[in-house]
Amino acid sequence: MKFRRGLLGAAVMAILAVLAGCSTTTGRTAEPAATKATAFHWTASAPLIAPQPEPDQTIYAVKDPSIVHVNGKFHVFMTTAGSAGWGLAYTSFDKWSDAASAKIVPLAKSPMGPGYRAAPQVFYFAPQKTWYLVYQGGDPLYSTSKDIGDPMSWSAPKPFFPVVPDIVKPPQGGGWLDFWVICDDKKCYLFNTDDHGRLLRSETDIAQFPNGFHNTVAVLTGKTEDLFEASNTYKIANTNTYITLVEAMSPQGRYFRIWKSNGLDGKWEPFSSAPMNTFAGRDNVDGLWSDGISHGEMIRENADQTMTIDPCRPLEYLFQGNNPAVHVDDYIKLPYRLSVITAKGDNPVSALCR
């Protein structure tokens, strides 16, 4: 039914809005607050990206994915676990049905060089019109490129910190890993976990990035198993809300928990009413082929340093999974593969769609 614009039409629309629980400003149907979804439910794909043969070593696993979607193409960076150690690699494809056959290129052959490299994060830093690849090499490192589609274009590694912060070193800490950069309009923040129940945050002015990181503090603390590693943080589009995900451990396998904040320098509080503010794990993912949901990243349409996700689009999360039927004693030989989970129905993020 259509109404003519004018006072009568506006009055009728206002009455219908009250009766039907819809917004006169957006035209979107809004659930009453008491019935909004407060938990996540997902469906898992089969494994999509698996190790490929290399001439000089055996590759056991592909792990720790970072993904952007640019000009109609997926670009995926990952850790490779092989007989020669840990390294980084890259692949790209147009659609997920092509992922398994897309060539995986080791980045050790780029100016980045060989050596211990793991847990990549890729993004486009718009102020410099430059791609950044953040990764761990003991301490947090980065390489840059002007062409994300050229895996041989990445620069030699550079450190973010000239000196390791005291909070990371004994006796205060026991190291750091899984680094994640996200920026607002004034500052860039580097988050990391430490495998000992802490989420740490450092900061620098956006004009100084990638230099000047300082003020490293713990923003979340807990039991090691409840706040373990692999944090990733995002801004929800058209809101002042940020979410952060941190991998945890349970007897049922790895899973992710979720918190929210009204600013990257703010206080984090649980975002889901599910037990342990669960984001994704064995209990809420249908068709899960792995022993849990481990190190991953949200699939975003934007690729820049704001790490923005659209709550009006179906959520998709690329993760590493491990077949529970395979048992090996050496961690590096665990046969991790990459897979996608897709959100089912309403959830706490989609409830913020405007």
Protein backbone atom coordinates (compact mmCIF):
# COMPACT_ATOMS: atom_id res chain seq x y z
CA MET A 1 0.00 0.00 0.00
CA LYS A 2 1.29 3.48 -0.88
CA PHE A 3 0.53 6.77 0.87
CA ARG A 4 0.71 10.26 -0.57
CA ARG A 5 3.21 12.57 1.08
CA GLY A 6 1.75 15.21 3.36
CA LEU A 7 0.49 15.61 6.89
CA LEU A 8 -2.11 12.88 6.59
CA GLY A 9 0.35 10.45 5.06
CA ALA A 10 2.97 11.23 7.72
CA ALA A 11 0.43 10.75 10.50
CA VAL A 12 -0.69 7.39 9.10
CA MET A 13 2.93 6.25 8.72
CA ALA A 14 3.70 7.24 12.29
CA ILE A 15 0.72 5.25 13.60
CA LEU A 16 1.67 2.20 11.53
CA ALA A 17 5.24 2.49 12.78
CA VAL A 18 4.10 2.32 16.39
CA LEU A 19 1.81 -0.63 15.69
CA ALA A 20 4.26 -2.61 13.54
CA GLY A 21 7.49 -1.71 15.32
CA CYS A 22 9.11 -0.20 12.21
CA SER A 23 11.16 2.99 11.79
CA THR A 24 9.68 6.00 9.92
CA THR A 25 13.20 7.26 9.19
CA THR A 26 14.80 4.15 7.75
CA GLY A 27 11.85 2.08 6.57
CA ARG A 28 13.54 -1.05 8.03
CA THR A 29 11.63 -3.41 10.28
CA ALA A 30 13.05 -3.32 13.81
CA GLU A 31 12.56 -6.10 16.32
CA PRO A 32 11.43 -5.12 19.80
CA ALA A 33 14.53 -4.85 21.99
CA ALA A 34 13.53 -7.86 24.06
CA THR A 35 13.49 -10.18 21.03
CA LYS A 36 16.64 -9.05 19.21
CA ALA A 37 19.12 -11.84 18.62
CA THR A 38 21.78 -11.94 21.32
CA ALA A 39 23.80 -14.93 20.10
CA PHE A 40 25.47 -16.10 16.89
CA HIS A 41 24.66 -19.15 14.75
CA TRP A 42 26.75 -20.24 11.76
CA THR A 43 27.07 -22.75 8.93
CA ALA A 44 30.50 -24.03 7.92
CA SER A 45 31.81 -24.71 4.43
CA ALA A 46 34.03 -27.65 3.63
CA PRO A 47 37.79 -26.94 3.69
CA LEU A 48 38.52 -24.47 0.87
CA ILE A 49 42.29 -23.89 0.94
CA ALA A 50 44.78 -26.68 1.60
CA PRO A 51 48.58 -27.07 1.39
CA GLN A 52 50.18 -27.40 -2.03
CA PRO A 53 53.46 -29.15 -2.84
CA GLU A 54 56.69 -27.15 -2.66
CA PRO A 55 59.94 -28.40 -4.22
CA ASP A 56 62.14 -27.77 -1.18
CA GLN A 57 59.93 -28.82 1.74
CA THR A 58 56.79 -30.64 2.86
CA ILE A 59 53.88 -28.32 3.73
CA TYR A 60 51.75 -29.74 6.52
CA ALA A 61 49.25 -26.93 7.03
CA VAL A 62 47.92 -23.54 5.97
CA LYS A 63 46.93 -21.32 8.88
CA ASP A 64 46.22 -17.82 10.24
CA PRO A 65 44.40 -16.38 7.20
CA SER A 66 44.06 -12.69 6.39
CA ILE A 67 41.73 -11.73 3.55
CA VAL A 68 40.61 -8.71 1.55
CA HIS A 69 38.24 -8.44 -1.40
CA VAL A 70 39.45 -5.92 -3.98
CA ASN A 71 38.10 -5.26 -7.48
CA GLY A 72 36.14 -8.49 -7.53
CA LYS A 73 39.02 -10.71 -6.38
CA PHE A 74 39.85 -12.34 -3.06
CA HIS A 75 43.42 -11.94 -1.82
CA VAL A 76 44.39 -14.35 0.97
CA PHE A 77 47.59 -14.32 3.01
CA MET A 78 48.39 -17.21 5.32
CA THR A 79 50.98 -18.96 7.45
CA THR A 80 52.46 -22.14 6.04
CA ALA A 81 53.66 -24.83 8.43
CA GLY A 82 56.30 -26.99 6.79
CA SER A 83 59.32 -29.17 7.27
CA ALA A 84 61.50 -26.05 6.90
CA GLY A 85 59.54 -24.11 9.54
CA TRP A 86 56.97 -21.33 9.50
CA GLY A 87 56.53 -18.95 6.58
CA LEU A 88 54.02 -16.73 4.78
CA ALA A 89 52.22 -17.33 1.50
CA TYR A 90 49.66 -15.72 -0.79
CA THR A 91 46.86 -16.81 -3.11
CA SER A 92 44.08 -15.07 -5.03
CA PHE A 93 40.92 -16.10 -6.87
CA ASP A 94 37.65 -14.69 -8.17
CA LYS A 95 35.24 -16.97 -6.33
CA TRP A 96 35.39 -19.58 -3.59
CA SER A 97 34.89 -22.44 -6.03
CA ASP A 98 38.29 -21.52 -7.49
CA ALA A 99 40.11 -21.37 -4.14
CA ALA A 100 41.31 -24.98 -4.05
CA SER A 101 43.01 -24.75 -7.44
CA ALA A 102 44.45 -21.22 -7.05
CA LYS A 103 48.25 -21.28 -6.82
CA ILE A 104 49.77 -20.60 -3.39
CA VAL A 105 52.94 -18.51 -3.67
CA PRO A 106 55.55 -18.55 -0.84
CA LEU A 107 56.51 -14.99 0.12
CA ALA A 108 60.03 -16.08 1.13
CA LYS A 109 60.92 -15.58 -2.52
CA SER A 110 59.97 -11.89 -2.33
CA PRO A 111 62.22 -9.17 -0.83
CA MET A 112 60.57 -10.13 2.47
CA GLY A 113 63.04 -13.03 2.43
CA PRO A 114 63.12 -16.36 4.26
CA GLY A 115 63.00 -16.88 8.02
CA TYR A 116 60.38 -17.17 10.70
CA ARG A 117 57.21 -15.39 9.57
CA ALA A 118 53.67 -16.06 10.79
CA ALA A 119 50.17 -14.71 11.49
CA PRO A 120 49.74 -12.12 8.73
CA GLN A 121 47.29 -9.22 8.60
CA VAL A 122 46.87 -7.30 5.34
CA PHE A 123 45.19 -3.91 4.80
CA TYR A 124 45.38 -0.81 2.61
CA PHE A 125 46.64 2.24 4.48
CA ALA A 126 44.73 4.92 2.60
CA PRO A 127 46.69 7.99 3.83
CA GLN A 128 49.83 6.60 2.15
CA LYS A 129 48.08 4.70 -0.68
CA THR A 130 50.12 1.68 0.38
CA TRP A 131 49.40 -1.93 1.29
CA TYR A 132 50.72 -3.17 4.63
CA LEU A 133 51.36 -6.75 5.65
CA VAL A 134 51.74 -7.08 9.42
CA TYR A 135 53.17 -10.32 10.83
CA GLN A 136 55.16 -11.82 13.65
CA GLY A 137 58.83 -12.61 13.39
CA GLY A 138 59.33 -12.86 17.11
CA ASP A 139 58.51 -9.15 17.43
CA PRO A 140 55.89 -7.37 15.28
CA LEU A 141 57.12 -6.71 11.74
CA TYR A 142 55.66 -5.19 8.59
CA SER A 143 56.28 -5.10 4.85
CA THR A 144 54.71 -2.79 2.27
CA SER A 145 53.61 -3.00 -1.35
CA LYS A 146 51.92 -0.84 -3.97
CA ASP A 147 50.36 -3.86 -5.68
CA ILE A 148 48.57 -6.44 -3.57
CA GLY A 149 48.26 -8.71 -6.61
CA ASP A 150 52.06 -9.04 -6.99
CA PRO A 151 53.39 -11.36 -4.27
CA MET A 152 56.97 -10.51 -5.23
CA SER A 153 56.45 -6.80 -4.48
CA TRP A 154 56.57 -6.96 -0.68
CA SER A 155 59.44 -5.04 0.93
CA ALA A 156 61.99 -6.36 3.40
CA PRO A 157 60.71 -6.64 6.99
CA LYS A 158 60.82 -3.64 9.33
CA PRO A 159 60.06 -3.62 13.07
CA PHE A 160 57.27 -1.55 14.59
CA PHE A 161 59.13 -1.07 17.88
CA PRO A 162 62.78 -0.05 18.34
CA VAL A 163 62.69 -1.58 21.83
CA VAL A 164 60.39 -4.27 23.21
CA PRO A 165 58.02 -2.72 25.82
CA ASP A 166 58.63 -3.75 29.42
CA ILE A 167 55.07 -5.06 29.78
CA VAL A 168 55.92 -7.75 27.21
CA LYS A 169 59.20 -8.86 28.82
CA PRO A 170 59.67 -10.89 32.02
CA PRO A 171 58.78 -10.50 34.79
CA GLN A 172 55.70 -8.56 33.61
CA GLY A 173 55.06 -10.64 30.49
CA GLY A 174 56.09 -13.69 28.57
CA GLY A 175 56.21 -12.49 24.99
CA TRP A 176 53.71 -11.31 22.36
CA LEU A 177 52.16 -12.62 19.15
CA ASP A 178 49.30 -12.31 16.63
CA PHE A 179 49.52 -8.59 15.89
CA TRP A 180 46.56 -6.59 14.56
CA VAL A 181 46.45 -2.97 13.39
CA ILE A 182 43.27 -0.86 13.23
CA CYS A 183 42.94 2.93 12.96
CA ASP A 184 40.32 5.59 13.60
CA ASP A 185 40.58 9.11 12.21
CA LYS A 186 43.26 10.19 14.70
CA LYS A 187 45.26 7.18 15.84
CA CYS A 188 46.38 3.71 14.84
CA TYR A 189 46.30 0.96 17.42
CA LEU A 190 48.25 -2.29 17.47
CA PHE A 191 46.61 -5.08 19.44
CA ASN A 192 48.22 -8.39 20.35
CA THR A 193 47.76 -11.37 22.63
CA ASP A 194 50.42 -13.20 24.63
CA ASP A 195 49.13 -16.77 25.19
CA HIS A 196 48.91 -15.91 28.90
CA GLY A 197 45.47 -14.33 29.27
CA ARG A 198 46.13 -10.76 28.13
CA LEU A 199 45.04 -8.57 25.24
CA LEU A 200 47.54 -5.71 24.84
CA ARG A 201 47.16 -2.42 22.97
CA SER A 202 49.75 0.08 21.69
CA GLU A 203 49.06 3.36 19.90
CA THR A 204 50.51 5.97 17.57
CA ASP A 205 49.19 9.06 15.77
CA ILE A 206 47.86 8.18 12.34
CA ALA A 207 50.23 10.74 10.79
CA GLN A 208 53.20 8.87 12.31
CA PHE A 209 52.18 5.36 11.28
CA PRO A 210 53.94 2.91 11.10
CA ASN A 211 56.31 4.66 13.53
CA GLY A 212 55.84 5.90 17.06
CA PHE A 213 53.96 3.03 18.71
CA HIS A 214 54.00 3.46 22.50
CA ASN A 215 51.83 3.24 25.64
CA THR A 216 51.51 -0.55 25.53
CA VAL A 217 48.86 -1.55 28.09
CA ALA A 218 46.68 -4.57 28.90
CA VAL A 219 43.05 -3.90 27.99
CA LEU A 220 41.67 -7.38 28.78
CA THR A 221 42.98 -9.93 31.26
CA GLY A 222 41.75 -13.39 32.19
CA LYS A 223 42.64 -17.03 32.46
CA THR A 224 45.01 -18.27 29.76
CA GLU A 225 42.41 -20.66 28.35
CA ASP A 226 39.74 -17.93 28.27
CA LEU A 227 41.85 -15.23 26.57
CA PHE A 228 44.46 -17.03 24.54
CA GLU A 229 45.53 -15.62 21.15
CA ALA A 230 44.61 -14.49 17.60
CA SER A 231 42.71 -11.28 18.39
CA ASN A 232 41.03 -9.37 15.56
CA THR A 233 39.18 -6.05 15.89
CA TYR A 234 36.66 -4.28 13.65
CA LYS A 235 34.51 -1.17 13.40
CA ILE A 236 30.82 -1.71 12.65
CA ALA A 237 29.81 0.60 9.80
CA ASN A 238 27.53 3.57 10.55
CA THR A 239 27.88 3.09 14.31
CA ASN A 240 30.28 4.06 17.08
CA THR A 241 30.69 0.41 18.00
CA TYR A 242 33.87 -1.65 17.73
CA ILE A 243 34.11 -5.39 18.29
CA THR A 244 37.11 -7.49 19.17
CA LEU A 245 37.42 -11.26 18.91
CA VAL A 246 39.89 -13.37 20.88
CA GLU A 247 40.50 -17.08 20.53
CA ALA A 248 39.94 -19.20 23.61
CA MET A 249 40.31 -22.88 24.50
CA SER A 250 37.80 -25.35 25.90
CA PRO A 251 37.53 -29.14 26.25
CA GLN A 252 35.41 -28.99 23.06
CA GLY A 253 38.15 -27.24 21.07
CA ARG A 254 39.21 -23.73 20.11
CA TYR A 255 36.54 -21.03 19.83
CA PHE A 256 36.21 -17.24 19.63
CA ARG A 257 34.76 -14.87 22.19
CA ILE A 258 33.50 -11.36 21.35
CA TRP A 259 33.58 -8.00 23.14
CA LYS A 260 32.42 -4.50 22.20
CA SER A 261 33.54 -0.94 22.91
CA ASN A 262 32.52 2.57 21.88
CA GLY A 263 36.12 3.41 20.96
CA LEU A 264 39.44 1.73 20.27
CA ASP A 265 40.80 3.34 23.42
CA GLY A 266 37.69 2.44 25.43
CA LYS A 267 36.61 -0.30 27.78
CA TRP A 268 35.72 -3.69 26.33
CA GLU A 269 32.63 -5.53 27.55
CA PRO A 270 30.92 -8.76 26.41
CA PHE A 271 28.90 -8.36 23.20
CA SER A 272 26.98 -11.64 23.21
CA SER A 273 24.75 -13.05 25.94
CA ALA A 274 25.84 -16.58 25.02
CA PRO A 275 27.92 -18.46 27.60
CA MET A 276 31.47 -17.04 27.62
CA ASN A 277 30.21 -14.38 25.13
CA THR A 278 30.88 -16.90 22.38
CA PHE A 279 31.25 -15.70 18.79
CA ALA A 280 31.89 -19.03 17.06
CA GLY A 281 32.74 -22.53 18.25
CA ARG A 282 31.67 -26.17 18.21
CA ASP A 283 28.33 -25.43 19.86
CA ASN A 284 26.99 -22.84 17.39
CA VAL A 285 28.41 -23.84 13.97
CA ASP A 286 26.39 -26.29 11.88
CA GLY A 287 28.27 -28.71 9.63
CA LEU A 288 31.60 -28.06 11.33
CA TRP A 289 34.22 -30.49 10.04
CA SER A 290 37.04 -29.33 12.37
CA ASP A 291 37.77 -29.67 16.07
CA GLY A 292 36.95 -25.99 16.62
CA ILE A 293 37.16 -22.47 15.22
CA SER A 294 40.71 -21.15 15.36
CA HIS A 295 42.72 -18.13 14.09
CA GLY A 296 40.72 -16.26 11.45
CA GLU A 297 39.47 -13.01 10.00
CA MET A 298 36.19 -11.42 8.95
CA ILE A 299 35.61 -11.13 5.20
CA ARG A 300 35.14 -7.39 4.52
CA GLU A 301 34.14 -5.47 1.41
CA ASN A 302 36.43 -2.59 2.40
CA ALA A 303 40.17 -3.12 2.65
CA ASP A 304 41.44 -0.07 4.49
CA GLN A 305 42.94 0.55 7.92
CA THR A 306 39.54 1.17 9.57
CA MET A 307 38.72 -2.56 9.40
CA THR A 308 35.03 -1.77 8.87
CA ILE A 309 32.38 -4.47 8.53
CA ASP A 310 28.86 -3.92 7.21
CA PRO A 311 26.23 -5.23 9.67
CA CYS A 312 23.65 -5.26 6.86
CA ARG A 313 25.55 -7.95 4.92
CA PRO A 314 25.72 -11.62 5.95
CA LEU A 315 28.73 -12.15 8.19
CA GLU A 316 31.45 -14.44 6.83
CA TYR A 317 34.52 -15.52 8.75
CA LEU A 318 37.55 -17.28 7.27
CA PHE A 319 39.17 -19.56 9.85
CA GLN A 320 41.67 -22.36 10.31
CA GLY A 321 40.33 -25.77 11.24
CA ASN A 322 41.92 -29.09 12.11
CA ASN A 323 40.48 -32.54 11.43
CA PRO A 324 39.84 -34.14 14.85
CA ALA A 325 40.46 -37.62 13.40
CA VAL A 326 44.13 -36.79 12.77
CA HIS A 327 46.49 -37.17 15.73
CA VAL A 328 50.11 -36.01 15.62
CA ASP A 329 52.51 -35.14 18.42
CA ASP A 330 54.31 -32.29 16.64
CA TYR A 331 52.26 -29.04 16.60
CA ILE A 332 53.70 -27.89 13.28
CA LYS A 333 52.37 -31.06 11.62
CA LEU A 334 48.72 -30.53 12.61
CA PRO A 335 46.88 -30.54 9.25
CA TYR A 336 45.15 -27.16 9.42
CA ARG A 337 42.99 -26.09 6.46
CA LEU A 338 41.07 -22.87 5.74
CA SER A 339 37.28 -22.75 5.71
CA VAL A 340 34.46 -20.18 5.91
CA ILE A 341 31.57 -19.92 8.34
CA THR A 342 28.51 -17.87 7.35
CA ALA A 343 26.11 -16.39 9.89
CA LYS A 344 22.55 -17.72 9.96
CA GLY A 345 19.70 -15.29 10.58
CA ASP A 346 19.83 -12.40 13.01
CA ASN A 347 22.74 -11.89 15.40
CA PRO A 348 24.09 -9.14 17.66
CA VAL A 349 26.00 -7.54 14.76
CA SER A 350 23.14 -7.61 12.25
CA ALA A 351 20.93 -6.02 14.92
CA LEU A 352 23.00 -2.85 14.40
CA CYS A 353 22.05 -2.61 10.72
CA ARG A 354 20.58 0.82 9.95
